[in-house]
Structures are given as C-alpha cells and as structure tokens.
Amino acid sequence: MLNRRQLLGAGAAGATLVSSKAWGQTLNMGLPEAAQMDSAATAITARPSTGPDYTPVVTLNGWTLPHRMNNGVKEFHLVAEPVERELADGMIAHLWGYNGQSTGPTIEAVEGDRVRIYVTNKLPEGTTVHWHGLILPSGMDGVSGLSHPSIPPGKTFVYEFDLVKSGTFMYHPHGDEMTQMAMGMMGMFVVHPKDPTFMPVDRDFLIMLNAFDIDPGTYVPRIMTMTDFNLWTWNSRIFPDIDPLVVNKGDRVRVRVGNLTMTNHPIHMHGYDFKVTCTDGGWVPPEAQWPEVSIDIPVGAMRAYEFVADHLGDWAIHCHKSHHTMNAMGHDVPTFIGVNKKPLTQKIRQFQPEYMPMGMSGMGDMAKMEMPLPDNTIPMMTGWGPYGPIEMGGMFSVVKVRDGIDADDYSDPGWYENPPGEMAYEWTGELPDFASNNSPKTILTPKPTSKG
C-alpha cells in the first residue's frame, strides 16, 4: 500500500522506442516501485517541488500514481491486476484494475515531459494500455495486435513517449475491451501546461464516469451487459459515498469529466453557470468558450469546465439522467402508482408477515425505510442531508463552497447552515389564487398593457 507520506511527496508525470543506452540505464535502476492503494478515500497530492508549478488534480475517491526520475525521464509503473473495490459502504466489487484499485490511479505529468511507463500484467489473459487522446508513435498506441503484441500474463512491457500537448486524457485496454473495461480497467492521464500562467486554477477536480451491472448478492460485474447497467459510478464509487468537492469562496475551480461508459451523461451543477474550457482534443480558446449549467459528456470523450466559486452553500452535482442517480436498479419492476395493494398485501402477509407494500404514491418512501437488504448491495435511493433523506444514488455528489478553506484542505466541512431568510419554509397562511388549465391547446399570453 502507498502511505500518505509517499503519496504526498510523489509529484506528477511523457515516445519513441527506448534506445539501448537508455534501456541499459533503466535496467541498472530496475523497475520503478509499483505503488498500491487499498483505500477508496480521496488522496491529495502535494504541489511539485521541482519543475514547472501546477495545481495537482484531485481525483474524487482516487489517487495519483507516483513516479521516479531516471536520466530526465519520468518513470511510472502500472500493474494490471484483479482488485477489490469498495463501491460504497456495505458493497464490494471484485474487479480488474490497476495498482490495487479501479478506477486506476491518475497519471500526472507536464507538457514536454518524456515518460516511460512500465505495464506489468497480472491478469489471467493478455492486455494492453491505449493512451486515449495522446499524440504518440503508432507503436505506442496500445491496440493489441495492431500497435504491438498483447502483453502476456506475467510479463512487463514498456511504453515511452514525449508529451507534446497539455490537456486531459484517458487510458484503458485495447484488447478484449468488452471484458476488461466492463471489469473496471480505466484511468485518467492529465498533462499540465509547461507554462504555469496558462489556464491556472486554484482547485482541479477529476471524475471518471463508469458503470457496472452487479446483481445484489454478487460481486463480479456481468460483462455482457450493453445498456441495462444498474450501478452508475464516478471513479468506481457511488453516492452516498462519493466524496464532496470542497472549495474556498473565490477559488477558480476546474472540473474534468471523462466518460468510458456505454452512454452519454449530461453533468449538471446546481447554483452556478460555468464555461467549457477544454475537450479531450485540447483547450478551448477564450473567445470560443461557451456558458452552460449542464454539459453532455459523449462516450469516449472528456469535457472540462471552470467557474469562480462566489456562491456559498451546498450545491448538488450529478448526471441529469434520472436513473443514473439511483443504485442497484431493477429494470423489470412494475409501476404501482395509483394501485390499491391492500387486498394483495393481506394475502401476501399470510405467508410473509413482514411484507411492506410500496410504490403506490411514488418511490420516495424507499429512502426513509431501513429494510433488510441482500448481501453486498445498497438501497436504490439513499443518503441523508441536514433536513432529511436526499433520495439519490449513483452519479451524485455535492460541491461545498465555504469561506476560510485552506488551499490544501479538502476535508468535508459538514453541512451548510442557510442564513435566516434564505431557506424555503412551510406556508401556513392564506393561499393566493392559482391558475390551472386542462386544455392541450396553446394559450397565448397577452402583452402587458402598462409597465409595472
């Protein structure tokens, strides 16, 4: 396991085939340490002590892979292997990943760096690593059988290339993709600009969108699923156990979101509008940046957006596909809204006295009940806030904007206390008249006859 001291001192990360001289020097040093992580907590990386300055990314419920320097080359060691990942408290998944976790560790480097990445295969089948979006030689592209041979089980291959552009990229296998990506093999690759004055931010968050189909009571994903996934995750983590995005008021904040699921995801953040500043193709020039409150992340793509945190509060951030903010969904559950289940309930209770009818007036009651669950699963809707059940799951977290947060402090500050007069409340007085309409026809609103 990589301890906190090792992680905070790790810094970040960039090929042609290795020359004989460089290869000899590398052999003399041996393989870089293959750092391991056995925790699903968010790990914070310290700012670099040498080289160009940058704000390290914060991978929610993830970590950054450390490197070593070898004659001017940044060396990393990825290990493809079976892993055990805690998706949420009470639910474990048996996945394939890198260095002890799924998703794999984030690789950070700087534009202009040369990187050498050792990939050791501890899987039961061959694998590769494709460096999604990076510009590099064909033989380093990681497509099994096309770029180079597959990495056999028990073997280590080396990728080496120069990082010719900055931006946000991804890595994943490109051999038996259906199996290996469905099992959780993916990660992010961030290349910071060599000019510290280009696109600087105070906080830089990273989210990988991925999904699994894991039946309650089981541990291994169903790899043949194409559309009906039941667990929609950020960095292989589900709400209520996705860490919050903690921000100091006035910070300039970037959120980078990559998507390696089988569908698109409209990511919506409450309380703010923001500008889209980067795609996986590169940075968006200032004059071309566009404002949004939701940004759709296509399959196999990345979008980054930025905002200035000038509104205090707890602000939801989530995928706006409603089924993607639910956990352990059953896709064959009938709709019971408006159904009188009393006669049926009486009959069922003759055999199952604890039976509780649900769904006649919506599904919100599920978030309040603490019912027995099958092993290794969590409720479909869950999470509690300061005022009651949040009734969410899956791809959901909270942006927490506060005064007085230190630059390197990402600890949860707790729930926001709304100032007097700034929270919705129950009305007990006389209600004003309200209009209603039962016609499907378009009704035109007349122009106002006077100002007021």
Protein backbone atom coordinates (compact mmCIF):
# COMPACT_ATOMS: atom_id res chain seq x y z
CA MET A 1 0.00 0.00 0.00
CA LEU A 2 1.15 3.54 -0.73
CA ASN A 3 1.16 5.51 2.51
CA ARG A 4 0.14 9.15 2.77
CA ARG A 5 3.72 10.40 3.17
CA GLN A 6 4.80 8.61 -0.02
CA LEU A 7 1.76 9.86 -1.90
CA LEU A 8 2.06 13.50 -0.89
CA GLY A 9 5.69 13.55 -1.91
CA ALA A 10 5.14 11.87 -5.25
CA GLY A 11 4.69 14.77 -7.63
CA ALA A 12 3.25 14.05 -11.14
CA ALA A 13 4.32 12.85 -14.93
CA GLY A 14 5.53 11.56 -21.22
CA ALA A 15 7.89 8.23 -27.09
CA THR A 16 9.88 6.52 -29.34
CA LEU A 17 11.28 3.08 -28.66
CA VAL A 18 13.80 3.01 -25.86
CA SER A 19 17.40 3.43 -27.03
CA SER A 20 19.95 0.81 -25.98
CA LYS A 21 21.73 3.36 -23.80
CA ALA A 22 18.55 4.45 -22.04
CA TRP A 23 17.48 0.83 -21.72
CA GLY A 24 20.76 -0.08 -20.08
CA GLN A 25 20.43 2.76 -17.60
CA THR A 26 16.87 1.68 -16.87
CA LEU A 27 17.92 -1.92 -16.25
CA ASN A 28 20.57 -0.71 -13.83
CA MET A 29 17.88 1.04 -11.78
CA GLY A 30 15.43 -1.86 -12.02
CA LEU A 31 11.68 -1.49 -12.26
CA PRO A 32 10.09 1.50 -10.53
CA GLU A 33 8.12 0.64 -7.43
CA ALA A 34 4.58 -0.44 -8.26
CA ALA A 35 2.71 1.70 -5.75
CA GLN A 36 -0.50 0.18 -4.38
CA MET A 37 -3.63 1.72 -2.89
CA ASP A 38 -6.15 -0.19 -0.80
CA SER A 39 -8.37 2.74 0.23
CA ALA A 40 -11.28 4.36 -1.58
CA ALA A 41 -10.66 7.72 0.11
CA THR A 42 -9.64 10.78 -1.88
CA ALA A 43 -5.86 11.21 -1.67
CA ILE A 44 -4.35 14.70 -2.02
CA THR A 45 -1.07 15.18 -3.93
CA ALA A 46 1.32 17.94 -2.94
CA ARG A 47 2.35 20.63 -5.41
CA PRO A 48 5.56 19.81 -7.29
CA SER A 49 8.76 20.88 -5.55
CA THR A 50 10.77 21.00 -8.80
CA GLY A 51 9.97 21.81 -12.41
CA PRO A 52 7.01 23.84 -13.64
CA ASP A 53 4.46 24.70 -11.00
CA TYR A 54 0.87 23.48 -11.31
CA THR A 55 -2.14 22.65 -9.19
CA PRO A 56 -2.32 18.85 -8.89
CA VAL A 57 -5.66 17.31 -9.73
CA VAL A 58 -7.88 15.88 -7.01
CA THR A 59 -9.31 12.57 -8.20
CA LEU A 60 -12.50 12.02 -6.23
CA ASN A 61 -12.08 8.79 -4.25
CA GLY A 62 -8.85 8.18 -6.14
CA TRP A 63 -5.15 8.98 -6.17
CA THR A 64 -2.20 10.00 -8.35
CA LEU A 65 0.46 7.47 -9.34
CA PRO A 66 3.94 8.47 -8.08
CA HIS A 67 6.92 8.47 -10.41
CA ARG A 68 10.70 8.47 -10.24
CA MET A 69 13.20 10.39 -12.36
CA ASN A 70 15.67 8.37 -14.44
CA ASN A 71 18.11 10.47 -16.50
CA GLY A 72 15.48 13.11 -17.24
CA VAL A 73 12.65 10.63 -17.91
CA LYS A 74 9.63 10.30 -15.62
CA GLU A 75 9.05 6.62 -14.94
CA PHE A 76 5.79 5.08 -13.79
CA HIS A 77 4.76 1.51 -13.07
CA LEU A 78 1.19 0.35 -13.77
CA VAL A 79 0.13 -3.14 -12.70
CA ALA A 80 -2.96 -4.60 -14.37
CA GLU A 81 -4.49 -6.99 -11.85
CA PRO A 82 -7.64 -8.25 -10.15
CA VAL A 83 -8.71 -5.80 -7.43
CA GLU A 84 -11.32 -5.45 -4.73
CA ARG A 85 -13.07 -2.08 -4.80
CA GLU A 86 -15.43 -0.65 -2.22
CA LEU A 87 -18.16 0.97 -4.31
CA ALA A 88 -19.87 2.23 -1.16
CA ASP A 89 -20.03 1.33 2.50
CA GLY A 90 -21.51 -2.17 2.51
CA MET A 91 -20.82 -3.02 -1.14
CA ILE A 92 -17.65 -4.55 -2.55
CA ALA A 93 -16.96 -5.36 -6.20
CA HIS A 94 -14.43 -7.87 -7.49
CA LEU A 95 -13.00 -6.04 -10.49
CA TRP A 96 -9.94 -5.76 -12.68
CA GLY A 97 -7.97 -2.55 -12.35
CA TYR A 98 -4.53 -1.08 -11.77
CA ASN A 99 -2.30 -0.93 -8.70
CA GLY A 100 -4.93 -2.17 -6.29
CA GLN A 101 -7.87 -0.05 -7.41
CA SER A 102 -10.49 0.58 -10.05
CA THR A 103 -10.50 3.09 -11.48
CA GLY A 104 -6.72 3.11 -11.90
CA PRO A 105 -4.51 5.83 -10.46
CA THR A 106 -4.36 9.16 -12.26
CA ILE A 107 -1.12 9.81 -14.12
CA GLU A 108 0.03 13.44 -13.92
CA ALA A 109 2.84 14.96 -15.97
CA VAL A 110 3.83 18.21 -17.65
CA GLU A 111 3.78 19.19 -21.31
CA GLY A 112 7.21 18.46 -22.80
CA ASP A 113 7.98 15.63 -20.36
CA ARG A 114 9.25 12.32 -21.62
CA VAL A 115 7.56 9.46 -19.78
CA ARG A 116 8.39 5.79 -19.54
CA ILE A 117 5.51 3.66 -18.31
CA TYR A 118 6.08 0.05 -17.31
CA VAL A 119 2.94 -2.10 -17.51
CA THR A 120 3.02 -5.43 -15.67
CA ASN A 121 0.21 -7.85 -16.47
CA LYS A 122 -1.11 -9.86 -13.52
CA LEU A 123 -4.39 -10.70 -15.25
CA PRO A 124 -5.28 -14.20 -16.44
CA GLU A 125 -5.29 -13.00 -20.08
CA GLY A 126 -3.32 -10.64 -22.29
CA THR A 127 -3.84 -6.89 -22.09
CA THR A 128 -2.55 -3.57 -23.43
CA VAL A 129 -2.83 0.09 -22.49
CA HIS A 130 -4.21 2.58 -25.01
CA TRP A 131 -3.34 6.21 -24.23
CA HIS A 132 -6.67 7.72 -25.27
CA GLY A 133 -6.22 11.13 -26.90
CA LEU A 134 -2.45 11.41 -26.53
CA ILE A 135 -0.32 12.14 -29.59
CA LEU A 136 2.40 9.49 -29.79
CA PRO A 137 4.11 6.99 -32.14
CA SER A 138 1.93 4.29 -33.68
CA GLY A 139 3.83 1.51 -31.94
CA MET A 140 3.00 3.00 -28.53
CA ASP A 141 -0.76 3.35 -29.13
CA GLY A 142 -1.72 0.19 -27.27
CA VAL A 143 -4.00 -1.59 -29.76
CA SER A 144 -3.45 -5.31 -29.33
CA GLY A 145 -2.10 -6.94 -32.49
CA LEU A 146 -2.03 -3.63 -34.39
CA SER A 147 0.29 -1.37 -32.40
CA HIS A 148 2.25 -4.16 -30.74
CA PRO A 149 1.70 -7.69 -29.39
CA SER A 150 -0.60 -8.17 -26.43
CA ILE A 151 1.15 -8.18 -23.06
CA PRO A 152 1.01 -11.83 -21.91
CA PRO A 153 0.13 -12.72 -18.31
CA GLY A 154 3.17 -12.37 -16.08
CA LYS A 155 5.07 -10.11 -18.49
CA THR A 156 6.02 -6.42 -18.37
CA PHE A 157 6.02 -4.12 -21.41
CA VAL A 158 7.35 -0.57 -21.63
CA TYR A 159 5.69 2.43 -23.26
CA GLU A 160 7.81 5.54 -23.79
CA PHE A 161 6.87 8.81 -25.45
CA ASP A 162 7.02 12.60 -25.25
CA LEU A 163 4.03 14.60 -24.05
CA VAL A 164 3.64 17.06 -26.90
CA LYS A 165 0.46 18.78 -25.68
CA SER A 166 -1.28 19.54 -22.42
CA GLY A 167 -4.83 18.51 -21.59
CA THR A 168 -6.94 15.74 -20.08
CA PHE A 169 -6.70 12.23 -21.48
CA MET A 170 -7.60 8.68 -20.52
CA TYR A 171 -6.05 5.22 -20.54
CA HIS A 172 -7.69 1.81 -20.92
CA PRO A 173 -7.06 -1.61 -22.52
CA HIS A 174 -7.46 -2.05 -26.26
CA GLY A 175 -7.61 -5.83 -26.29
CA ASP A 176 -10.72 -7.75 -25.15
CA GLU A 177 -12.14 -4.31 -24.36
CA MET A 178 -15.64 -5.64 -23.68
CA THR A 179 -14.39 -7.75 -20.79
CA GLN A 180 -11.62 -5.62 -19.41
CA MET A 181 -13.39 -2.26 -19.44
CA ALA A 182 -16.61 -3.82 -18.09
CA MET A 183 -14.45 -5.15 -15.25
CA GLY A 184 -13.24 -1.63 -14.42
CA MET A 185 -9.93 -1.15 -16.25
CA MET A 186 -9.56 2.56 -16.97
CA GLY A 187 -7.92 5.69 -15.63
CA MET A 188 -7.13 9.34 -16.36
CA PHE A 189 -3.94 10.94 -17.72
CA VAL A 190 -3.50 14.67 -17.04
CA VAL A 191 -0.81 16.69 -18.80
CA HIS A 192 -0.35 20.11 -17.20
CA PRO A 193 0.78 23.10 -19.32
CA LYS A 194 4.51 23.81 -19.19
CA ASP A 195 3.66 27.50 -18.79
CA PRO A 196 2.27 27.90 -15.23
CA THR A 197 0.47 31.10 -16.27
CA PHE A 198 -1.63 29.27 -18.90
CA MET A 199 -5.12 28.30 -17.67
CA PRO A 200 -4.27 28.34 -13.93
CA VAL A 201 -6.87 27.28 -11.35
CA ASP A 202 -6.98 27.05 -7.57
CA ARG A 203 -8.75 23.66 -7.43
CA ASP A 204 -8.79 20.99 -10.11
CA PHE A 205 -11.14 18.02 -9.71
CA LEU A 206 -11.19 14.85 -11.78
CA ILE A 207 -14.08 12.44 -12.39
CA MET A 208 -14.16 9.27 -14.50
CA LEU A 209 -17.67 8.11 -15.40
CA ASN A 210 -18.01 4.33 -15.44
CA ALA A 211 -20.76 1.77 -14.87
CA PHE A 212 -21.30 -1.82 -13.75
CA ASP A 213 -24.02 -4.44 -13.80
CA ILE A 214 -23.71 -6.30 -10.50
CA ASP A 215 -26.69 -8.25 -9.17
CA PRO A 216 -27.45 -7.87 -5.44
CA GLY A 217 -25.67 -10.57 -3.50
CA THR A 218 -22.94 -10.96 -6.13
CA TYR A 219 -19.53 -9.36 -6.56
CA VAL A 220 -18.48 -9.69 -10.20
CA PRO A 221 -19.90 -7.47 -12.99
CA ARG A 222 -21.89 -9.01 -15.83
CA ILE A 223 -19.59 -8.25 -18.73
CA MET A 224 -22.15 -8.94 -21.49
CA THR A 225 -24.41 -6.03 -20.46
CA MET A 226 -24.69 -3.36 -23.16
CA THR A 227 -27.32 -0.91 -21.86
CA ASP A 228 -29.04 -2.07 -18.66
CA PHE A 229 -26.35 -1.23 -16.12
CA ASN A 230 -27.59 -0.98 -12.54
CA LEU A 231 -24.68 0.89 -10.92
CA TRP A 232 -23.60 4.25 -12.36
CA THR A 233 -20.38 5.39 -10.75
CA TRP A 234 -17.83 8.19 -10.51
CA ASN A 235 -14.36 6.72 -10.23
CA SER A 236 -15.94 3.36 -9.32
CA ARG A 237 -17.78 4.93 -6.39
CA ILE A 238 -21.49 5.56 -5.81
CA PHE A 239 -23.47 8.04 -3.73
CA PRO A 240 -23.74 8.46 -0.77
CA ASP A 241 -20.05 7.61 -0.56
CA ILE A 242 -18.64 9.82 -3.32
CA ASP A 243 -16.54 12.48 -1.60
CA PRO A 244 -17.65 16.13 -1.90
CA LEU A 245 -15.89 18.77 -3.99
CA VAL A 246 -14.67 21.15 -1.26
CA VAL A 247 -13.97 24.70 -2.40
CA ASN A 248 -12.98 28.01 -0.80
CA LYS A 249 -15.09 31.01 -1.72
CA GLY A 250 -13.40 32.93 -4.52
CA ASP A 251 -11.44 29.96 -5.84
CA ARG A 252 -11.24 29.39 -9.57
CA VAL A 253 -12.30 25.77 -9.97
CA ARG A 254 -11.91 23.30 -12.81
CA VAL A 255 -13.88 20.05 -13.06
CA ARG A 256 -12.62 17.49 -15.61
CA VAL A 257 -15.04 14.68 -16.52
CA GLY A 258 -14.14 11.67 -18.68
CA ASN A 259 -16.68 9.12 -19.92
CA LEU A 260 -15.88 5.47 -20.59
CA THR A 261 -19.43 4.14 -20.10
CA MET A 262 -21.72 2.94 -22.90
CA THR A 263 -23.87 6.09 -22.98
CA ASN A 264 -23.64 9.87 -22.71
CA HIS A 265 -24.03 11.76 -19.43
CA PRO A 266 -25.35 15.34 -19.05
CA ILE A 267 -23.49 16.56 -15.96
CA HIS A 268 -25.41 19.31 -14.18
CA MET A 269 -24.13 21.50 -11.35
CA HIS A 270 -26.54 23.49 -9.21
CA GLY A 271 -26.03 27.09 -8.14
CA TYR A 272 -23.66 28.12 -10.93
CA ASP A 273 -23.15 28.63 -14.58
CA PHE A 274 -19.73 27.76 -15.94
CA LYS A 275 -17.63 27.90 -19.10
CA VAL A 276 -16.46 24.85 -21.02
CA THR A 277 -12.69 25.33 -21.29
CA CYS A 278 -11.30 22.02 -22.53
CA THR A 279 -12.19 18.91 -24.51
CA ASP A 280 -10.05 15.83 -24.98
CA GLY A 281 -8.99 17.44 -28.25
CA GLY A 282 -7.44 20.43 -26.49
CA TRP A 283 -8.05 23.71 -24.73
CA VAL A 284 -10.91 25.91 -25.92
CA PRO A 285 -9.68 29.44 -26.79
CA PRO A 286 -11.21 32.10 -24.50
CA GLU A 287 -13.23 33.64 -27.33
CA ALA A 288 -14.76 30.23 -28.14
CA GLN A 289 -15.61 29.09 -24.61
CA TRP A 290 -19.34 28.77 -24.06
CA PRO A 291 -21.54 29.04 -20.97
CA GLU A 292 -23.54 26.11 -19.60
CA VAL A 293 -25.21 24.81 -16.48
CA SER A 294 -25.13 21.25 -17.84
CA ILE A 295 -22.51 19.73 -20.13
CA ASP A 296 -23.09 16.49 -22.01
CA ILE A 297 -20.13 14.10 -21.92
CA PRO A 298 -20.17 11.82 -25.00
CA VAL A 299 -18.98 8.23 -24.91
CA GLY A 300 -15.18 8.05 -25.06
CA ALA A 301 -14.80 11.79 -24.50
CA MET A 302 -13.80 14.34 -21.87
CA ARG A 303 -15.09 17.79 -21.07
CA ALA A 304 -13.66 20.26 -18.56
CA TYR A 305 -15.40 23.34 -17.26
CA GLU A 306 -14.44 26.19 -14.95
CA PHE A 307 -16.19 28.59 -12.59
CA VAL A 308 -15.40 31.05 -9.84
CA ALA A 309 -16.81 29.86 -6.51
CA ASP A 310 -18.63 33.00 -5.44
CA HIS A 311 -21.86 31.43 -4.09
CA LEU A 312 -21.65 29.89 -0.62
CA GLY A 313 -23.63 26.73 0.00
CA ASP A 314 -24.00 23.02 -0.66
CA TRP A 315 -24.67 22.55 -4.38
CA ALA A 316 -25.65 19.25 -5.97
CA ILE A 317 -23.63 17.96 -8.92
CA HIS A 318 -24.96 14.94 -10.79
CA CYS A 319 -25.80 13.24 -14.05
CA HIS A 320 -29.17 14.53 -15.22
CA LYS A 321 -30.36 11.16 -16.47
CA SER A 322 -32.59 10.35 -13.52
CA HIS A 323 -31.88 6.61 -13.49
CA HIS A 324 -28.18 7.38 -13.23
CA THR A 325 -28.71 8.84 -9.75
CA MET A 326 -30.08 5.57 -8.39
CA ASN A 327 -28.36 2.43 -7.11
CA ALA A 328 -28.99 -1.27 -7.72
CA MET A 329 -31.91 -0.63 -10.04
CA GLY A 330 -34.26 -3.44 -11.04
CA HIS A 331 -35.35 -2.89 -14.63
CA ASP A 332 -38.39 -5.17 -14.51
CA VAL A 333 -40.19 -3.59 -11.54
CA PRO A 334 -43.82 -2.73 -12.43
CA THR A 335 -45.31 0.70 -11.71
CA PHE A 336 -47.81 0.68 -8.82
CA ILE A 337 -48.69 4.39 -8.69
CA GLY A 338 -52.43 4.67 -8.04
CA VAL A 339 -52.84 0.93 -7.37
CA ASN A 340 -54.79 -0.30 -4.31
CA LYS A 341 -52.49 -3.02 -2.95
CA LYS A 342 -54.41 -3.56 0.27
CA PRO A 343 -56.16 -6.83 -0.80
CA LEU A 344 -52.90 -8.17 -2.21
CA THR A 345 -50.99 -7.14 0.91
CA GLN A 346 -53.39 -9.07 3.14
CA LYS A 347 -52.85 -12.23 1.12
CA ILE A 348 -49.06 -11.90 0.97
CA ARG A 349 -48.82 -11.32 4.72
CA GLN A 350 -50.36 -14.71 5.33
CA PHE A 351 -47.05 -16.14 4.09
CA GLN A 352 -44.67 -13.20 4.72
CA PRO A 353 -45.88 -11.20 7.75
CA GLU A 354 -43.11 -8.55 7.34
CA TYR A 355 -44.18 -7.65 3.77
CA MET A 356 -44.42 -3.87 3.22
CA PRO A 357 -46.32 -2.56 0.18
CA MET A 358 -44.51 0.25 -1.64
CA GLY A 359 -44.72 2.33 -4.78
CA MET A 360 -48.41 3.31 -4.72
CA SER A 361 -47.58 7.01 -4.29
CA GLY A 362 -44.04 7.11 -5.70
CA MET A 363 -40.70 5.69 -4.62
CA GLY A 364 -39.59 8.33 -2.11
CA ASP A 365 -40.54 6.17 0.87
CA MET A 366 -37.70 3.84 -0.02
CA ALA A 367 -35.18 6.49 1.03
CA LYS A 368 -36.69 6.66 4.53
CA MET A 369 -37.04 2.94 5.21
CA GLU A 370 -34.29 0.77 6.60
CA MET A 371 -35.30 -2.57 5.19
CA PRO A 372 -33.19 -5.73 5.21
CA LEU A 373 -31.15 -5.95 2.01
CA PRO A 374 -29.48 -8.82 0.19
CA ASP A 375 -25.79 -9.24 0.88
CA ASN A 376 -23.43 -6.87 -0.92
CA THR A 377 -25.79 -4.20 -2.18
CA ILE A 378 -27.12 -0.82 -1.06
CA PRO A 379 -30.54 0.87 -1.31
CA MET A 380 -31.74 2.19 -4.64
CA MET A 381 -32.20 5.69 -3.17
CA THR A 382 -30.26 6.73 -0.11
CA GLY A 383 -28.22 9.43 1.61
CA TRP A 384 -29.23 11.82 4.38
CA GLY A 385 -28.76 15.58 4.46
CA PRO A 386 -29.31 18.12 7.24
CA TYR A 387 -33.06 18.23 6.55
CA GLY A 388 -33.91 14.64 5.70
CA PRO A 389 -33.34 11.98 3.05
CA ILE A 390 -31.61 13.14 -0.13
CA GLU A 391 -33.17 10.28 -2.15
CA MET A 392 -30.30 9.89 -4.57
CA GLY A 393 -27.65 7.37 -5.56
CA GLY A 394 -25.17 6.64 -8.32
CA MET A 395 -23.66 9.67 -10.06
CA PHE A 396 -24.30 12.33 -7.41
CA SER A 397 -22.14 14.44 -5.12
CA VAL A 398 -22.05 17.89 -3.53
CA VAL A 399 -19.93 20.98 -4.25
CA LYS A 400 -19.33 22.56 -0.82
CA VAL A 401 -18.34 26.25 -1.05
CA ARG A 402 -17.20 27.86 2.20
CA ASP A 403 -15.27 30.86 3.50
CA GLY A 404 -11.86 30.23 5.01
CA ILE A 405 -10.92 26.88 3.45
CA ASP A 406 -7.13 26.50 3.29
CA ALA A 407 -5.57 25.91 -0.12
CA ASP A 408 -4.62 22.30 0.62
CA ASP A 409 -7.71 21.44 2.69
CA TYR A 410 -10.20 19.12 1.03
CA SER A 411 -11.75 17.69 4.19
CA ASP A 412 -15.54 17.68 4.41
CA PRO A 413 -16.64 20.86 6.23
CA GLY A 414 -20.04 19.39 7.11
CA TRP A 415 -23.43 20.67 6.02
CA TYR A 416 -24.01 24.30 5.11
CA GLU A 417 -26.19 26.29 7.50
CA ASN A 418 -28.53 28.50 5.48
CA PRO A 419 -28.66 32.12 6.73
CA PRO A 420 -32.00 33.38 8.11
CA GLY A 421 -34.45 34.17 5.35
CA GLU A 422 -32.58 32.12 2.73
CA MET A 423 -34.33 28.76 3.02
CA ALA A 424 -37.69 27.56 1.74
CA TYR A 425 -40.25 27.09 4.51
CA GLU A 426 -43.77 25.87 5.10
CA TRP A 427 -46.54 28.41 4.44
CA THR A 428 -49.43 28.28 6.89
CA GLY A 429 -51.30 31.45 5.90
CA GLU A 430 -53.99 32.04 3.32
CA LEU A 431 -53.06 30.83 -0.15
CA PRO A 432 -53.29 33.19 -3.14
CA ASP A 433 -55.47 32.17 -6.05
CA PHE A 434 -53.77 29.92 -8.54
CA ALA A 435 -54.50 29.31 -12.18
CA SER A 436 -54.97 25.91 -13.76
CA ASN A 437 -55.51 24.61 -17.25
CA ASN A 438 -56.99 21.35 -18.56
CA SER A 439 -56.69 22.10 -22.26
CA PRO A 440 -53.91 20.75 -24.52
CA LYS A 441 -54.17 23.82 -26.75
CA THR A 442 -51.51 26.53 -26.90
CA ILE A 443 -52.65 29.55 -24.90
CA LEU A 444 -51.09 32.88 -25.80
CA THR A 445 -50.20 35.31 -23.04
CA PRO A 446 -51.39 38.83 -23.83
CA LYS A 447 -48.87 41.63 -23.90
CA PRO A 448 -48.83 43.79 -20.77
CA THR A 449 -50.95 46.89 -21.12
CA SER A 450 -48.79 49.03 -18.84
CA LYS A 451 -45.45 48.96 -17.13
CA GLY A 452 -45.41 47.71 -13.58
